[in-house]
Amino acid sequence: MENNVDNVRAQMRKGVLEYCILSILNKKEAYASSIIDELKAANMIVVEGTLYPLLIRQKNQGLLTYRWEESTQGPPRKYYGITAKGREQLAGMDAAWNELVETIAMIKK
């Protein structure tokens, strides 16, 4: 039974990961490692192999943009930022999330 719960938990996290990325980038521009650090700090464990395809997909959808910045420690870093279209998407996700939370709360009553 525990393994099934872990699988459900993993699927739920995967489903909200794109929402989390937009939420993080709505606060400030960030590079991939700092996005991963912020997700880990919130107990959302993600590896680079999972994050990069999502960042690329969101960029290709026009939700994100990026710029290169020289680093004092190592190679240049790619900083991601949210676009106006990304903010619209995030607002829609916020509304959908709030609706879902309310729906689940009603069902559980």
PDB file of N, CA and C in Angstrom:
ATOM      1  N   MET A   1       0.820  -1.204   0.000  1.00  0.00           N
ATOM      2  CA  MET A   1       0.000   0.000   0.000  1.00  0.00           C
ATOM      3  C   MET A   1       0.864   1.269   0.000  1.00  0.00           C
ATOM      4  N   GLU A   2       1.941   1.238   0.789  1.00  0.00           N
ATOM      5  CA  GLU A   2       2.818   2.409   0.891  1.00  0.00           C
ATOM      6  C   GLU A   2       3.409   2.787  -0.466  1.00  0.00           C
ATOM      7  N   ASN A   3       3.806   1.794  -1.261  1.00  0.00           N
ATOM      8  CA  ASN A   3       4.376   2.051  -2.567  1.00  0.00           C
ATOM      9  C   ASN A   3       3.372   2.767  -3.467  1.00  0.00           C
ATOM     10  N   ASN A   4       2.100   2.380  -3.396  1.00  0.00           N
ATOM     11  CA  ASN A   4       1.060   3.022  -4.185  1.00  0.00           C
ATOM     12  C   ASN A   4       0.895   4.486  -3.772  1.00  0.00           C
ATOM     13  N   VAL A   5       0.946   4.764  -2.464  1.00  0.00           N
ATOM     14  CA  VAL A   5       0.841   6.139  -1.967  1.00  0.00           C
ATOM     15  C   VAL A   5       2.020   6.971  -2.476  1.00  0.00           C
ATOM     16  N   ASP A   6       3.215   6.384  -2.459  1.00  0.00           N
ATOM     17  CA  ASP A   6       4.391   7.091  -2.975  1.00  0.00           C
ATOM     18  C   ASP A   6       4.231   7.410  -4.456  1.00  0.00           C
ATOM     19  N   ASN A   7       3.663   6.484  -5.218  1.00  0.00           N
ATOM     20  CA  ASN A   7       3.440   6.699  -6.639  1.00  0.00           C
ATOM     21  C   ASN A   7       2.425   7.826  -6.870  1.00  0.00           C
ATOM     22  N   VAL A   8       1.357   7.811  -6.098  1.00  0.00           N
ATOM     23  CA  VAL A   8       0.345   8.871  -6.212  1.00  0.00           C
ATOM     24  C   VAL A   8       0.968  10.218  -5.869  1.00  0.00           C
ATOM     25  N   ARG A   9       1.744  10.238  -4.801  1.00  0.00           N
ATOM     26  CA  ARG A   9       2.415  11.482  -4.379  1.00  0.00           C
ATOM     27  C   ARG A   9       3.331  11.996  -5.490  1.00  0.00           C
ATOM     28  N   ALA A  10       4.098  11.101  -6.102  1.00  0.00           N
ATOM     29  CA  ALA A  10       5.007  11.485  -7.184  1.00  0.00           C
ATOM     30  C   ALA A  10       4.236  12.039  -8.379  1.00  0.00           C
ATOM     31  N   GLN A  11       3.118  11.407  -8.732  1.00  0.00           N
ATOM     32  CA  GLN A  11       2.303  11.878  -9.858  1.00  0.00           C
ATOM     33  C   GLN A  11       1.690  13.257  -9.568  1.00  0.00           C
ATOM     34  N   MET A  12       1.252  13.460  -8.326  1.00  0.00           N
ATOM     35  CA  MET A  12       0.672  14.753  -7.958  1.00  0.00           C
ATOM     36  C   MET A  12       1.728  15.854  -8.037  1.00  0.00           C
ATOM     37  N   ARG A  13       2.920  15.568  -7.539  1.00  0.00           N
ATOM     38  CA  ARG A  13       4.008  16.554  -7.588  1.00  0.00           C
ATOM     39  C   ARG A  13       4.374  16.877  -9.033  1.00  0.00           C
ATOM     40  N   LYS A  14       4.454  15.850  -9.856  1.00  0.00           N
ATOM     41  CA  LYS A  14       4.789  16.050 -11.267  1.00  0.00           C
ATOM     42  C   LYS A  14       3.754  16.948 -11.929  1.00  0.00           C
ATOM     43  N   GLY A  15       2.508  16.755 -11.558  1.00  0.00           N
ATOM     44  CA  GLY A  15       1.422  17.544 -12.134  1.00  0.00           C
ATOM     45  C   GLY A  15       1.461  19.016 -11.780  1.00  0.00           C
ATOM     46  N   VAL A  16       2.045  19.358 -10.654  1.00  0.00           N
ATOM     47  CA  VAL A  16       2.075  20.773 -10.238  1.00  0.00           C
ATOM     48  C   VAL A  16       3.447  21.410 -10.432  1.00  0.00           C
ATOM     49  N   LEU A  17       4.394  20.676 -10.967  1.00  0.00           N
ATOM     50  CA  LEU A  17       5.748  21.191 -11.114  1.00  0.00           C
ATOM     51  C   LEU A  17       5.821  22.415 -12.028  1.00  0.00           C
ATOM     52  N   GLU A  18       5.115  22.375 -13.139  1.00  0.00           N
ATOM     53  CA  GLU A  18       5.128  23.530 -14.050  1.00  0.00           C
ATOM     54  C   GLU A  18       4.537  24.761 -13.362  1.00  0.00           C
ATOM     55  N   TYR A  19       3.523  24.549 -12.558  1.00  0.00           N
ATOM     56  CA  TYR A  19       2.906  25.623 -11.770  1.00  0.00           C
ATOM     57  C   TYR A  19       3.926  26.194 -10.785  1.00  0.00           C
ATOM     58  N   CYS A  20       4.669  25.319 -10.134  1.00  0.00           N
ATOM     59  CA  CYS A  20       5.682  25.747  -9.163  1.00  0.00           C
ATOM     60  C   CYS A  20       6.790  26.554  -9.839  1.00  0.00           C
ATOM     61  N   ILE A  21       7.222  26.121 -11.021  1.00  0.00           N
ATOM     62  CA  ILE A  21       8.277  26.833 -11.748  1.00  0.00           C
ATOM     63  C   ILE A  21       7.829  28.254 -12.078  1.00  0.00           C
ATOM     64  N   LEU A  22       6.625  28.395 -12.607  1.00  0.00           N
ATOM     65  CA  LEU A  22       6.121  29.733 -12.932  1.00  0.00           C
ATOM     66  C   LEU A  22       5.990  30.588 -11.675  1.00  0.00           C
ATOM     67  N   SER A  23       5.561  29.973 -10.580  1.00  0.00           N
ATOM     68  CA  SER A  23       5.415  30.714  -9.323  1.00  0.00           C
ATOM     69  C   SER A  23       6.765  31.227  -8.821  1.00  0.00           C
ATOM     70  N   ILE A  24       7.788  30.406  -8.919  1.00  0.00           N
ATOM     71  CA  ILE A  24       9.133  30.813  -8.497  1.00  0.00           C
ATOM     72  C   ILE A  24       9.642  31.952  -9.371  1.00  0.00           C
ATOM     73  N   LEU A  25       9.491  31.803 -10.679  1.00  0.00           N
ATOM     74  CA  LEU A  25      10.012  32.811 -11.601  1.00  0.00           C
ATOM     75  C   LEU A  25       9.174  34.085 -11.598  1.00  0.00           C
ATOM     76  N   ASN A  26       7.962  34.024 -11.082  1.00  0.00           N
ATOM     77  CA  ASN A  26       7.147  35.226 -10.962  1.00  0.00           C
ATOM     78  C   ASN A  26       7.717  36.160  -9.892  1.00  0.00           C
ATOM     79  N   LYS A  27       8.449  35.583  -8.935  1.00  0.00           N
ATOM     80  CA  LYS A  27       9.069  36.388  -7.869  1.00  0.00           C
ATOM     81  C   LYS A  27      10.358  37.044  -8.344  1.00  0.00           C
ATOM     82  N   LYS A  28      11.173  36.279  -9.105  1.00  0.00           N
ATOM     83  CA  LYS A  28      12.441  36.823  -9.602  1.00  0.00           C
ATOM     84  C   LYS A  28      13.023  35.871 -10.645  1.00  0.00           C
ATOM     85  N   GLU A  29      13.914  36.406 -11.487  1.00  0.00           N
ATOM     86  CA  GLU A  29      14.624  35.559 -12.436  1.00  0.00           C
ATOM     87  C   GLU A  29      15.497  34.581 -11.657  1.00  0.00           C
ATOM     88  N   ALA A  30      15.744  33.414 -12.232  1.00  0.00           N
ATOM     89  CA  ALA A  30      16.560  32.415 -11.547  1.00  0.00           C
ATOM     90  C   ALA A  30      17.197  31.478 -12.564  1.00  0.00           C
ATOM     91  N   TYR A  31      18.301  30.873 -12.183  1.00  0.00           N
ATOM     92  CA  TYR A  31      18.920  29.856 -13.020  1.00  0.00           C
ATOM     93  C   TYR A  31      18.504  28.487 -12.495  1.00  0.00           C
ATOM     94  N   ALA A  32      18.697  27.457 -13.293  1.00  0.00           N
ATOM     95  CA  ALA A  32      18.142  26.135 -12.999  1.00  0.00           C
ATOM     96  C   ALA A  32      18.508  25.626 -11.604  1.00  0.00           C
ATOM     97  N   SER A  33      19.773  25.750 -11.215  1.00  0.00           N
ATOM     98  CA  SER A  33      20.186  25.231  -9.900  1.00  0.00           C
ATOM     99  C   SER A  33      19.463  25.932  -8.763  1.00  0.00           C
ATOM    100  N   SER A  34      19.228  27.231  -8.898  1.00  0.00           N
ATOM    101  CA  SER A  34      18.520  27.951  -7.826  1.00  0.00           C
ATOM    102  C   SER A  34      17.038  27.583  -7.806  1.00  0.00           C
ATOM    103  N   ILE A  35      16.464  27.270  -8.967  1.00  0.00           N
ATOM    104  CA  ILE A  35      15.070  26.794  -9.015  1.00  0.00           C
ATOM    105  C   ILE A  35      14.978  25.454  -8.284  1.00  0.00           C
ATOM    106  N   ILE A  36      15.927  24.564  -8.571  1.00  0.00           N
ATOM    107  CA  ILE A  36      15.951  23.259  -7.899  1.00  0.00           C
ATOM    108  C   ILE A  36      16.107  23.437  -6.393  1.00  0.00           C
ATOM    109  N   ASP A  37      17.003  24.337  -5.972  1.00  0.00           N
ATOM    110  CA  ASP A  37      17.201  24.583  -4.539  1.00  0.00           C
ATOM    111  C   ASP A  37      15.917  25.061  -3.872  1.00  0.00           C
ATOM    112  N   GLU A  38      15.203  25.968  -4.547  1.00  0.00           N
ATOM    113  CA  GLU A  38      13.951  26.480  -3.973  1.00  0.00           C
ATOM    114  C   GLU A  38      12.891  25.384  -3.894  1.00  0.00           C
ATOM    115  N   LEU A  39      12.816  24.555  -4.910  1.00  0.00           N
ATOM    116  CA  LEU A  39      11.874  23.438  -4.885  1.00  0.00           C
ATOM    117  C   LEU A  39      12.219  22.462  -3.763  1.00  0.00           C
ATOM    118  N   LYS A  40      13.510  22.145  -3.607  1.00  0.00           N
ATOM    119  CA  LYS A  40      13.941  21.237  -2.544  1.00  0.00           C
ATOM    120  C   LYS A  40      13.644  21.815  -1.167  1.00  0.00           C
ATOM    121  N   ALA A  41      13.828  23.129  -1.014  1.00  0.00           N
ATOM    122  CA  ALA A  41      13.545  23.773   0.271  1.00  0.00           C
ATOM    123  C   ALA A  41      12.070  23.626   0.643  1.00  0.00           C
ATOM    124  N   ALA A  42      11.221  23.488  -0.369  1.00  0.00           N
ATOM    125  CA  ALA A  42       9.783  23.313  -0.141  1.00  0.00           C
ATOM    126  C   ALA A  42       9.399  21.826  -0.157  1.00  0.00           C
ATOM    127  N   ASN A  43      10.401  20.948  -0.057  1.00  0.00           N
ATOM    128  CA  ASN A  43      10.188  19.494  -0.073  1.00  0.00           C
ATOM    129  C   ASN A  43       9.636  18.971  -1.396  1.00  0.00           C
ATOM    130  N   MET A  44       9.877  19.681  -2.470  1.00  0.00           N
ATOM    131  CA  MET A  44       9.513  19.236  -3.813  1.00  0.00           C
ATOM    132  C   MET A  44      10.820  18.791  -4.463  1.00  0.00           C
ATOM    133  N   ILE A  45      11.128  17.512  -4.337  1.00  0.00           N
ATOM    134  CA  ILE A  45      12.407  16.996  -4.807  1.00  0.00           C
ATOM    135  C   ILE A  45      12.376  16.824  -6.325  1.00  0.00           C
ATOM    136  N   VAL A  46      13.302  17.502  -6.987  1.00  0.00           N
ATOM    137  CA  VAL A  46      13.366  17.492  -8.446  1.00  0.00           C
ATOM    138  C   VAL A  46      14.833  17.387  -8.858  1.00  0.00           C
ATOM    139  N   VAL A  47      15.093  16.662  -9.914  1.00  0.00           N
ATOM    140  CA  VAL A  47      16.447  16.566 -10.446  1.00  0.00           C
ATOM    141  C   VAL A  47      16.527  17.351 -11.752  1.00  0.00           C
ATOM    142  N   GLU A  48      17.747  17.701 -12.134  1.00  0.00           N
ATOM    143  CA  GLU A  48      17.939  18.500 -13.344  1.00  0.00           C
ATOM    144  C   GLU A  48      17.332  17.838 -14.567  1.00  0.00           C
ATOM    145  N   GLY A  49      17.409  16.522 -14.646  1.00  0.00           N
ATOM    146  CA  GLY A  49      16.860  15.802 -15.794  1.00  0.00           C
ATOM    147  C   GLY A  49      15.357  15.957 -15.936  1.00  0.00           C
ATOM    148  N   THR A  50      14.684  16.292 -14.847  1.00  0.00           N
ATOM    149  CA  THR A  50      13.244  16.555 -14.876  1.00  0.00           C
ATOM    150  C   THR A  50      12.979  18.025 -15.166  1.00  0.00           C
ATOM    151  N   LEU A  51      13.801  18.903 -14.588  1.00  0.00           N
ATOM    152  CA  LEU A  51      13.564  20.344 -14.691  1.00  0.00           C
ATOM    153  C   LEU A  51      13.829  20.894 -16.090  1.00  0.00           C
ATOM    154  N   TYR A  52      14.964  20.532 -16.684  1.00  0.00           N
ATOM    155  CA  TYR A  52      15.334  21.135 -17.970  1.00  0.00           C
ATOM    156  C   TYR A  52      14.299  20.936 -19.079  1.00  0.00           C
ATOM    157  N   PRO A  53      13.744  19.737 -19.257  1.00  0.00           N
ATOM    158  CA  PRO A  53      12.714  19.595 -20.298  1.00  0.00           C
ATOM    159  C   PRO A  53      11.485  20.493 -20.046  1.00  0.00           C
ATOM    160  N   LEU A  54      11.138  20.673 -18.769  1.00  0.00           N
ATOM    161  CA  LEU A  54       9.997  21.547 -18.458  1.00  0.00           C
ATOM    162  C   LEU A  54      10.330  23.003 -18.785  1.00  0.00           C
ATOM    163  N   LEU A  55      11.537  23.435 -18.437  1.00  0.00           N
ATOM    164  CA  LEU A  55      11.944  24.808 -18.755  1.00  0.00           C
ATOM    165  C   LEU A  55      11.948  25.037 -20.261  1.00  0.00           C
ATOM    166  N   ILE A  56      12.453  24.068 -21.009  1.00  0.00           N
ATOM    167  CA  ILE A  56      12.487  24.189 -22.478  1.00  0.00           C
ATOM    168  C   ILE A  56      11.070  24.245 -23.034  1.00  0.00           C
ATOM    169  N   ARG A  57      10.188  23.368 -22.533  1.00  0.00           N
ATOM    170  CA  ARG A  57       8.808  23.365 -23.021  1.00  0.00           C
ATOM    171  C   ARG A  57       8.120  24.694 -22.711  1.00  0.00           C
ATOM    172  N   GLN A  58       8.304  25.197 -21.484  1.00  0.00           N
ATOM    173  CA  GLN A  58       7.675  26.471 -21.117  1.00  0.00           C
ATOM    174  C   GLN A  58       8.247  27.628 -21.939  1.00  0.00           C
ATOM    175  N   LYS A  59       9.542  27.577 -22.247  1.00  0.00           N
ATOM    176  CA  LYS A  59      10.142  28.611 -23.098  1.00  0.00           C
ATOM    177  C   LYS A  59       9.552  28.532 -24.504  1.00  0.00           C
ATOM    178  N   ASN A  60       9.436  27.317 -25.036  1.00  0.00           N
ATOM    179  CA  ASN A  60       8.887  27.139 -26.384  1.00  0.00           C
ATOM    180  C   ASN A  60       7.421  27.554 -26.465  1.00  0.00           C
ATOM    181  N   GLN A  61       6.715  27.487 -25.351  1.00  0.00           N
ATOM    182  CA  GLN A  61       5.311  27.922 -25.304  1.00  0.00           C
ATOM    183  C   GLN A  61       5.198  29.431 -25.108  1.00  0.00           C
ATOM    184  N   GLY A  62       6.322  30.106 -24.954  1.00  0.00           N
ATOM    185  CA  GLY A  62       6.314  31.557 -24.775  1.00  0.00           C
ATOM    186  C   GLY A  62       6.043  31.987 -23.339  1.00  0.00           C
ATOM    187  N   LEU A  63       6.110  31.045 -22.393  1.00  0.00           N
ATOM    188  CA  LEU A  63       5.833  31.364 -20.991  1.00  0.00           C
ATOM    189  C   LEU A  63       7.066  31.891 -20.276  1.00  0.00           C
ATOM    190  N   LEU A  64       8.243  31.487 -20.779  1.00  0.00           N
ATOM    191  CA  LEU A  64       9.513  31.888 -20.180  1.00  0.00           C
ATOM    192  C   LEU A  64      10.431  32.477 -21.231  1.00  0.00           C
ATOM    193  N   THR A  65      11.379  33.242 -20.766  1.00  0.00           N
ATOM    194  CA  THR A  65      12.469  33.739 -21.581  1.00  0.00           C
ATOM    195  C   THR A  65      13.742  33.466 -20.802  1.00  0.00           C
ATOM    196  N   TYR A  66      14.878  33.645 -21.430  1.00  0.00           N
ATOM    197  CA  TYR A  66      16.120  33.479 -20.680  1.00  0.00           C
ATOM    198  C   TYR A  66      17.178  34.434 -21.198  1.00  0.00           C
ATOM    199  N   ARG A  67      18.192  34.631 -20.365  1.00  0.00           N
ATOM    200  CA  ARG A  67      19.347  35.448 -20.740  1.00  0.00           C
ATOM    201  C   ARG A  67      20.575  34.821 -20.095  1.00  0.00           C
ATOM    202  N   TRP A  68      21.720  35.035 -20.711  1.00  0.00           N
ATOM    203  CA  TRP A  68      22.982  34.526 -20.169  1.00  0.00           C
ATOM    204  C   TRP A  68      23.625  35.610 -19.314  1.00  0.00           C
ATOM    205  N   GLU A  69      24.201  35.202 -18.199  1.00  0.00           N
ATOM    206  CA  GLU A  69      24.916  36.146 -17.335  1.00  0.00           C
ATOM    207  C   GLU A  69      26.240  35.509 -16.914  1.00  0.00           C
ATOM    208  N   GLU A  70      27.309  36.290 -17.024  1.00  0.00           N
ATOM    209  CA  GLU A  70      28.623  35.797 -16.597  1.00  0.00           C
ATOM    210  C   GLU A  70      28.591  35.477 -15.113  1.00  0.00           C
ATOM    211  N   SER A  71      29.317  34.455 -14.736  1.00  0.00           N
ATOM    212  CA  SER A  71      29.383  34.030 -13.344  1.00  0.00           C
ATOM    213  C   SER A  71      30.802  34.203 -12.831  1.00  0.00           C
ATOM    214  N   THR A  72      30.920  34.611 -11.577  1.00  0.00           N
ATOM    215  CA  THR A  72      32.246  34.710 -10.968  1.00  0.00           C
ATOM    216  C   THR A  72      32.775  33.328 -10.630  1.00  0.00           C
ATOM    217  N   GLN A  73      31.892  32.347 -10.586  1.00  0.00           N
ATOM    218  CA  GLN A  73      32.269  30.963 -10.260  1.00  0.00           C
ATOM    219  C   GLN A  73      31.858  30.043 -11.401  1.00  0.00           C
ATOM    220  N   GLY A  74      32.734  29.862 -12.361  1.00  0.00           N
ATOM    221  CA  GLY A  74      32.457  28.917 -13.427  1.00  0.00           C
ATOM    222  C   GLY A  74      31.884  29.560 -14.675  1.00  0.00           C
ATOM    223  N   PRO A  75      31.216  28.733 -15.486  1.00  0.00           N
ATOM    224  CA  PRO A  75      30.706  29.210 -16.783  1.00  0.00           C
ATOM    225  C   PRO A  75      29.521  30.168 -16.615  1.00  0.00           C
ATOM    226  N   PRO A  76      29.141  30.857 -17.708  1.00  0.00           N
ATOM    227  CA  PRO A  76      27.967  31.744 -17.640  1.00  0.00           C
ATOM    228  C   PRO A  76      26.718  30.955 -17.252  1.00  0.00           C
ATOM    229  N   ARG A  77      25.784  31.649 -16.620  1.00  0.00           N
ATOM    230  CA  ARG A  77      24.547  30.996 -16.189  1.00  0.00           C
ATOM    231  C   ARG A  77      23.373  31.486 -17.027  1.00  0.00           C
ATOM    232  N   LYS A  78      22.454  30.573 -17.298  1.00  0.00           N
ATOM    233  CA  LYS A  78      21.238  30.910 -18.030  1.00  0.00           C
ATOM    234  C   LYS A  78      20.163  31.246 -17.000  1.00  0.00           C
ATOM    235  N   TYR A  79      19.769  32.518 -16.978  1.00  0.00           N
ATOM    236  CA  TYR A  79      18.717  32.969 -16.059  1.00  0.00           C
ATOM    237  C   TYR A  79      17.379  32.967 -16.781  1.00  0.00           C
ATOM    238  N   TYR A  80      16.402  32.313 -16.168  1.00  0.00           N
ATOM    239  CA  TYR A  80      15.056  32.247 -16.729  1.00  0.00           C
ATOM    240  C   TYR A  80      14.182  33.313 -16.082  1.00  0.00           C
ATOM    241  N   GLY A  81      13.267  33.862 -16.873  1.00  0.00           N
ATOM    242  CA  GLY A  81      12.296  34.822 -16.376  1.00  0.00           C
ATOM    243  C   GLY A  81      10.938  34.523 -16.983  1.00  0.00           C
ATOM    244  N   ILE A  82       9.907  34.994 -16.317  1.00  0.00           N
ATOM    245  CA  ILE A  82       8.542  34.757 -16.790  1.00  0.00           C
ATOM    246  C   ILE A  82       8.142  35.882 -17.749  1.00  0.00           C
ATOM    247  N   THR A  83       7.392  35.540 -18.771  1.00  0.00           N
ATOM    248  CA  THR A  83       6.909  36.524 -19.746  1.00  0.00           C
ATOM    249  C   THR A  83       5.489  36.965 -19.359  1.00  0.00           C
ATOM    250  N   ALA A  84       4.964  37.933 -20.098  1.00  0.00           N
ATOM    251  CA  ALA A  84       3.577  38.362 -19.873  1.00  0.00           C
ATOM    252  C   ALA A  84       2.623  37.191 -20.100  1.00  0.00           C
ATOM    253  N   LYS A  85       2.891  36.401 -21.135  1.00  0.00           N
ATOM    254  CA  LYS A  85       2.067  35.211 -21.399  1.00  0.00           C
ATOM    255  C   LYS A  85       2.192  34.220 -20.241  1.00  0.00           C
ATOM    256  N   GLY A  86       3.380  34.093 -19.682  1.00  0.00           N
ATOM    257  CA  GLY A  86       3.597  33.220 -18.532  1.00  0.00           C
ATOM    258  C   GLY A  86       2.819  33.685 -17.317  1.00  0.00           C
ATOM    259  N   ARG A  87       2.751  35.009 -17.120  1.00  0.00           N
ATOM    260  CA  ARG A  87       1.978  35.554 -15.993  1.00  0.00           C
ATOM    261  C   ARG A  87       0.484  35.279 -16.178  1.00  0.00           C
ATOM    262  N   GLU A  88       0.007  35.367 -17.422  1.00  0.00           N
ATOM    263  CA  GLU A  88      -1.392  35.024 -17.707  1.00  0.00           C
ATOM    264  C   GLU A  88      -1.653  33.554 -17.399  1.00  0.00           C
ATOM    265  N   GLN A  89      -0.724  32.696 -17.828  1.00  0.00           N
ATOM    266  CA  GLN A  89      -0.842  31.263 -17.560  1.00  0.00           C
ATOM    267  C   GLN A  89      -0.849  31.011 -16.052  1.00  0.00           C
ATOM    268  N   LEU A  90       0.039  31.694 -15.328  1.00  0.00           N
ATOM    269  CA  LEU A  90       0.125  31.531 -13.881  1.00  0.00           C
ATOM    270  C   LEU A  90      -1.175  31.966 -13.210  1.00  0.00           C
ATOM    271  N   ALA A  91      -1.762  33.053 -13.667  1.00  0.00           N
ATOM    272  CA  ALA A  91      -3.037  33.514 -13.097  1.00  0.00           C
ATOM    273  C   ALA A  91      -4.125  32.457 -13.306  1.00  0.00           C
ATOM    274  N   GLY A  92      -4.143  31.841 -14.493  1.00  0.00           N
ATOM    275  CA  GLY A  92      -5.100  30.771 -14.760  1.00  0.00           C
ATOM    276  C   GLY A  92      -4.851  29.556 -13.878  1.00  0.00           C
ATOM    277  N   MET A  93      -3.569  29.235 -13.676  1.00  0.00           N
ATOM    278  CA  MET A  93      -3.226  28.107 -12.810  1.00  0.00           C
ATOM    279  C   MET A  93      -3.603  28.404 -11.354  1.00  0.00           C
ATOM    280  N   ASP A  94      -3.394  29.641 -10.920  1.00  0.00           N
ATOM    281  CA  ASP A  94      -3.796  30.032  -9.559  1.00  0.00           C
ATOM    282  C   ASP A  94      -5.297  29.807  -9.370  1.00  0.00           C
ATOM    283  N   ALA A  95      -6.083  30.255 -10.339  1.00  0.00           N
ATOM    284  CA  ALA A  95      -7.533  30.103 -10.252  1.00  0.00           C
ATOM    285  C   ALA A  95      -7.923  28.628 -10.239  1.00  0.00           C
ATOM    286  N   ALA A  96      -7.295  27.837 -11.115  1.00  0.00           N
ATOM    287  CA  ALA A  96      -7.600  26.403 -11.186  1.00  0.00           C
ATOM    288  C   ALA A  96      -7.203  25.711  -9.876  1.00  0.00           C
ATOM    289  N   TRP A  97      -6.050  26.077  -9.321  1.00  0.00           N
ATOM    290  CA  TRP A  97      -5.593  25.481  -8.066  1.00  0.00           C
ATOM    291  C   TRP A  97      -6.568  25.793  -6.937  1.00  0.00           C
ATOM    292  N   ASN A  98      -6.954  27.062  -6.819  1.00  0.00           N
ATOM    293  CA  ASN A  98      -7.885  27.460  -5.754  1.00  0.00           C
ATOM    294  C   ASN A  98      -9.222  26.739  -5.894  1.00  0.00           C
ATOM    295  N   GLU A  99      -9.695  26.601  -7.111  1.00  0.00           N
ATOM    296  CA  GLU A  99     -10.951  25.888  -7.364  1.00  0.00           C
ATOM    297  C   GLU A  99     -10.814  24.414  -6.965  1.00  0.00           C
ATOM    298  N   LEU A 100      -9.700  23.807  -7.308  1.00  0.00           N
ATOM    299  CA  LEU A 100      -9.462  22.404  -6.972  1.00  0.00           C
ATOM    300  C   LEU A 100      -9.408  22.202  -5.459  1.00  0.00           C
ATOM    301  N   VAL A 101      -8.691  23.077  -4.768  1.00  0.00           N
ATOM    302  CA  VAL A 101      -8.591  22.976  -3.307  1.00  0.00           C
ATOM    303  C   VAL A 101      -9.977  23.106  -2.661  1.00  0.00           C
ATOM    304  N   GLU A 102     -10.764  24.058  -3.140  1.00  0.00           N
ATOM    305  CA  GLU A 102     -12.128  24.243  -2.613  1.00  0.00           C
ATOM    306  C   GLU A 102     -12.990  23.012  -2.896  1.00  0.00           C
ATOM    307  N   THR A 103     -12.882  22.454  -4.089  1.00  0.00           N
ATOM    308  CA  THR A 103     -13.656  21.267  -4.462  1.00  0.00           C
ATOM    309  C   THR A 103     -13.308  20.091  -3.554  1.00  0.00           C
ATOM    310  N   ILE A 104     -12.026  19.872  -3.354  1.00  0.00           N
ATOM    311  CA  ILE A 104     -11.598  18.752  -2.491  1.00  0.00           C
ATOM    312  C   ILE A 104     -12.063  18.986  -1.057  1.00  0.00           C
ATOM    313  N   ALA A 105     -11.996  20.214  -0.591  1.00  0.00           N
ATOM    314  CA  ALA A 105     -12.449  20.530   0.770  1.00  0.00           C
ATOM    315  C   ALA A 105     -13.935  20.234   0.914  1.00  0.00           C
ATOM    316  N   MET A 106     -14.739  20.575  -0.108  1.00  0.00           N
ATOM    317  CA  MET A 106     -16.186  20.281  -0.046  1.00  0.00           C
ATOM    318  C   MET A 106     -16.444  18.780  -0.037  1.00  0.00           C
ATOM    319  N   ILE A 107     -15.716  18.057  -0.872  1.00  0.00           N
ATOM    320  CA  ILE A 107     -15.903  16.607  -0.936  1.00  0.00           C
ATOM    321  C   ILE A 107     -15.552  15.941   0.382  1.00  0.00           C
ATOM    322  N   LYS A 108     -14.509  16.429   1.036  1.00  0.00           N
ATOM    323  CA  LYS A 108     -14.043  15.813   2.287  1.00  0.00           C
ATOM    324  C   LYS A 108     -14.940  16.120   3.484  1.00  0.00           C
ATOM    325  N   LYS A 109     -15.819  17.112   3.359  1.00  0.00           N
ATOM    326  CA  LYS A 109     -16.704  17.470   4.481  1.00  0.00           C
ATOM    327  C   LYS A 109     -17.694  16.358   4.779  1.00  0.00           C
TER     328      LYS A 109
END
